[in-house]
């Protein structure tokens, strides 16, 4: 099954870390990415730009309203994602739990549906 692992963290948190903390964080990420690549579970993933670059679009009565910023007021934001293919949700949760952001903020695990969307 394919799962999207959504990474949540807080804007600007890296500036609060010491150089050693940043090195450790990125080292942990590198190890996980290497392991997932070698196991064949990693399909892809990307970091997202700062939330200040976000546009939220809502269409009401056929008219698009575009606002700046994320759609919810929160201290945390959707920062990036991993797309993995693994045996089941238990493994996807295990991967998410090992991601550094899960220790400080949150990771969301969601099954990816096929084109028809009938499996869920």
Protein backbone atom coordinates (compact mmCIF):
# COMPACT_ATOMS: atom_id res chain seq x y z
CA UNK A 1 0.00 0.00 0.00
CA UNK A 2 1.05 3.57 -0.59
CA UNK A 3 1.02 6.09 2.24
CA UNK A 4 1.63 9.81 2.40
CA UNK A 5 3.52 10.78 5.55
CA UNK A 6 2.82 14.47 6.11
CA UNK A 7 5.43 16.36 8.09
CA UNK A 8 4.35 19.14 10.46
CA UNK A 9 6.66 21.55 12.23
CA UNK A 10 6.90 25.19 13.25
CA UNK A 11 8.20 27.97 10.99
CA UNK A 12 11.61 29.24 12.02
CA UNK A 13 12.44 26.40 14.40
CA UNK A 14 15.79 25.70 12.72
CA UNK A 15 17.06 29.17 13.60
CA UNK A 16 16.55 28.27 17.28
CA UNK A 17 18.77 25.17 17.01
CA UNK A 18 22.48 25.19 17.58
CA UNK A 19 24.70 24.08 14.72
CA UNK A 20 25.18 20.73 16.46
CA UNK A 21 21.40 20.25 16.80
CA UNK A 22 20.85 21.08 13.12
CA UNK A 23 23.65 18.69 12.11
CA UNK A 24 22.09 15.93 14.22
CA UNK A 25 18.60 16.57 12.81
CA UNK A 26 19.76 16.51 9.18
CA UNK A 27 21.93 13.48 9.89
CA UNK A 28 18.90 11.63 11.27
CA UNK A 29 16.91 12.54 8.16
CA UNK A 30 19.75 11.39 5.88
CA UNK A 31 19.91 8.02 7.65
CA UNK A 32 16.16 7.50 7.33
CA UNK A 33 16.10 8.53 3.68
CA UNK A 34 18.97 6.15 2.90
CA UNK A 35 17.22 3.28 4.73
CA UNK A 36 13.91 3.90 2.94
CA UNK A 37 15.67 4.18 -0.43
CA UNK A 38 17.61 0.95 0.12
CA UNK A 39 14.47 -0.92 1.27
CA UNK A 40 12.57 0.29 -1.81
CA UNK A 41 9.85 1.85 0.34
CA UNK A 42 10.58 5.47 -0.60
CA UNK A 43 8.63 6.66 -3.62
CA UNK A 44 9.31 10.37 -3.21
CA UNK A 45 8.91 13.42 -1.05
CA UNK A 46 9.60 17.12 -0.87
CA UNK A 47 9.92 19.94 1.60
CA UNK A 48 7.47 22.78 1.15
CA UNK A 49 8.20 26.52 1.04
CA UNK A 50 7.50 28.69 4.07
CA UNK A 51 3.77 29.13 4.81
CA UNK A 52 4.10 32.85 4.02
CA UNK A 53 4.24 31.77 0.35
CA UNK A 54 0.89 29.98 0.59
CA UNK A 55 -2.24 30.94 -1.32
CA UNK A 56 -5.58 29.53 -0.19
CA UNK A 57 -8.31 29.29 -2.81
CA UNK A 58 -12.01 28.98 -2.00
CA UNK A 59 -14.70 29.01 -4.67
CA UNK A 60 -18.13 30.19 -3.52
CA UNK A 61 -21.00 30.75 -5.90
CA UNK A 62 -18.62 30.31 -8.82
CA UNK A 63 -16.24 33.06 -7.65
CA UNK A 64 -12.69 32.24 -6.58
CA UNK A 65 -11.45 34.03 -3.49
CA UNK A 66 -7.68 33.87 -3.02
CA UNK A 67 -6.11 34.75 0.30
CA UNK A 68 -2.50 34.79 1.43
CA UNK A 69 -1.25 32.30 3.95
CA UNK A 70 -2.30 28.90 5.17
CA UNK A 71 -5.97 28.13 5.58
CA UNK A 72 -5.88 27.64 9.35
CA UNK A 73 -4.42 29.62 12.19
CA UNK A 74 -1.91 27.37 13.88
CA UNK A 75 1.58 27.41 15.27
CA UNK A 76 2.42 24.30 13.24
CA UNK A 77 2.28 24.02 9.47
CA UNK A 78 2.41 21.34 6.80
CA UNK A 79 6.12 21.39 5.99
CA UNK A 80 6.64 18.50 3.58
CA UNK A 81 5.83 14.91 2.86
CA UNK A 82 7.20 11.47 2.11
CA UNK A 83 5.43 9.05 -0.18
CA UNK A 84 6.17 5.47 0.79
CA UNK A 85 5.01 2.05 -0.31
CA UNK A 86 5.06 -0.56 2.42
CA UNK A 87 3.26 -3.66 3.69
CA UNK A 88 0.65 -1.85 5.77
CA UNK A 89 -0.26 1.02 8.02
CA UNK A 90 1.79 -0.39 10.90
CA UNK A 91 5.01 0.01 8.91
CA UNK A 92 3.98 3.48 7.70
CA UNK A 93 3.38 4.51 11.32
CA UNK A 94 6.77 3.06 12.30
CA UNK A 95 8.48 5.15 9.60
CA UNK A 96 6.58 8.29 10.68
CA UNK A 97 7.49 7.71 14.33
CA UNK A 98 11.18 7.57 13.42
CA UNK A 99 11.07 10.93 11.57
CA UNK A 100 12.63 13.75 13.68
CA UNK A 101 9.62 16.08 13.37
CA UNK A 102 7.37 13.49 15.05
CA UNK A 103 9.40 13.95 18.24
CA UNK A 104 8.68 17.71 18.40
CA UNK A 105 5.50 18.26 16.37
CA UNK A 106 3.54 15.72 14.35
CA UNK A 107 3.48 13.37 11.40
CA UNK A 108 0.22 12.40 9.73
CA UNK A 109 -0.06 9.01 7.99
CA UNK A 110 -2.72 8.72 5.32
CA UNK A 111 -3.33 5.94 2.77
CA UNK A 112 -3.09 7.04 -0.85
CA UNK A 113 -6.08 5.94 -2.87
CA UNK A 114 -5.89 4.62 -6.40
CA UNK A 115 -7.43 6.52 -9.30
CA UNK A 116 -10.90 5.09 -8.61
CA UNK A 117 -10.82 5.78 -4.89
CA UNK A 118 -13.08 2.83 -4.15
CA UNK A 119 -10.74 0.97 -1.81
CA UNK A 120 -11.48 3.12 1.26
